[in-house]
Protein backbone atom coordinates (compact mmCIF):
# COMPACT_ATOMS: atom_id res chain seq x y z
CA MET A 1 -65.79 -31.58 -100.58
CA SER A 2 -68.58 -29.70 -98.82
CA GLN A 3 -70.14 -26.53 -100.17
CA CYS A 4 -68.33 -24.49 -97.52
CA GLU A 5 -64.99 -25.99 -98.50
CA ASP A 6 -65.67 -25.39 -102.20
CA ILE A 7 -66.73 -21.80 -101.62
CA LYS A 8 -63.79 -21.12 -99.31
CA ALA A 9 -61.31 -22.49 -101.86
CA HIS A 10 -62.94 -20.43 -104.62
CA LEU A 11 -62.73 -17.21 -102.60
CA GLN A 12 -59.19 -17.86 -101.38
CA ALA A 13 -58.10 -18.42 -104.99
CA GLY A 14 -58.88 -14.75 -105.54
CA HIS A 15 -62.31 -15.12 -107.13
CA SER A 16 -65.50 -13.37 -106.09
CA LEU A 17 -68.91 -15.01 -105.90
CA THR A 18 -72.60 -14.06 -106.17
CA ALA A 19 -75.62 -16.16 -105.24
CA LEU A 20 -76.36 -16.95 -108.89
CA GLU A 21 -72.75 -18.00 -109.52
CA ALA A 22 -72.80 -20.17 -106.37
CA LEU A 23 -75.95 -21.88 -107.59
CA GLN A 24 -74.41 -22.56 -111.01
CA ARG A 25 -70.96 -23.63 -109.76
CA PHE A 26 -71.67 -25.38 -106.47
CA GLN A 27 -75.44 -26.06 -106.51
CA CYS A 28 -75.64 -23.83 -103.42
CA PHE A 29 -79.07 -22.27 -102.90
CA ARG A 30 -78.11 -20.50 -99.65
CA LEU A 31 -74.84 -18.68 -100.28
CA ALA A 32 -75.46 -16.09 -97.54
CA ALA A 33 -75.77 -18.92 -95.00
CA ARG A 34 -72.54 -20.54 -96.20
CA ILE A 35 -70.79 -17.13 -96.02
CA ALA A 36 -72.04 -16.76 -92.43
CA ASP A 37 -70.62 -20.24 -91.64
CA LEU A 38 -67.24 -19.27 -93.09
CA LYS A 39 -67.20 -16.00 -91.16
CA LYS A 40 -67.91 -17.95 -87.94
CA GLU A 41 -64.82 -20.03 -88.76
CA GLY A 42 -62.82 -16.78 -88.84
CA LEU A 43 -62.50 -16.21 -92.59
CA HIS A 44 -62.59 -12.52 -93.46
CA ILE A 45 -65.03 -11.99 -96.32
CA ASP A 46 -65.85 -8.66 -97.94
CA THR A 47 -69.38 -7.98 -99.19
CA VAL A 48 -70.06 -5.46 -101.93
CA MET A 49 -73.60 -4.67 -102.99
CA VAL A 50 -73.89 -4.40 -106.78
CA ALA A 51 -76.82 -2.98 -108.76
CA ASP A 52 -77.86 -4.78 -111.93
CA GLU A 53 -77.58 -2.35 -114.84
CA ASP A 54 -80.78 -3.57 -116.50
CA THR A 55 -83.13 -4.02 -113.57
CA GLY A 56 -81.55 -1.82 -110.90
CA LYS A 57 -81.92 -4.63 -108.36
CA SER A 58 -79.08 -5.13 -105.89
CA TYR A 59 -77.23 -8.30 -105.05
CA ALA A 60 -74.19 -9.19 -102.95
CA ARG A 61 -70.77 -10.08 -104.37
CA TYR A 62 -68.49 -11.79 -101.85
CA SER A 63 -64.69 -11.92 -101.90
CA THR A 64 -61.73 -12.28 -99.59
CA PRO A 65 -59.30 -9.39 -99.35
CA THR A 66 -56.06 -9.67 -101.23
CA PHE A 67 -53.00 -8.17 -99.66
CA THR A 68 -49.93 -6.92 -101.44
CA LEU A 69 -46.81 -6.67 -99.38
CA GLU A 70 -44.33 -4.05 -100.41
CA PHE A 71 -40.80 -4.16 -99.17
CA SER A 72 -38.54 -1.16 -99.18
CA PRO A 73 -34.77 -1.57 -99.15
């Protein structure tokens, strides 16, 4: 499997991903580039900027939206 396929499967399974996690899980040094590739393919990916509590530095956390369908009788 390619890095894009691995990342796509991870996100579609309901997990989120940061650059550090991508490096550890998939040996991916350029997560933002892989996210851009997946977006070009039409995958909707949400990006949330998170601040580290200790350092205050920001980093991106990527995820795909999850939808809950509600049916009314």
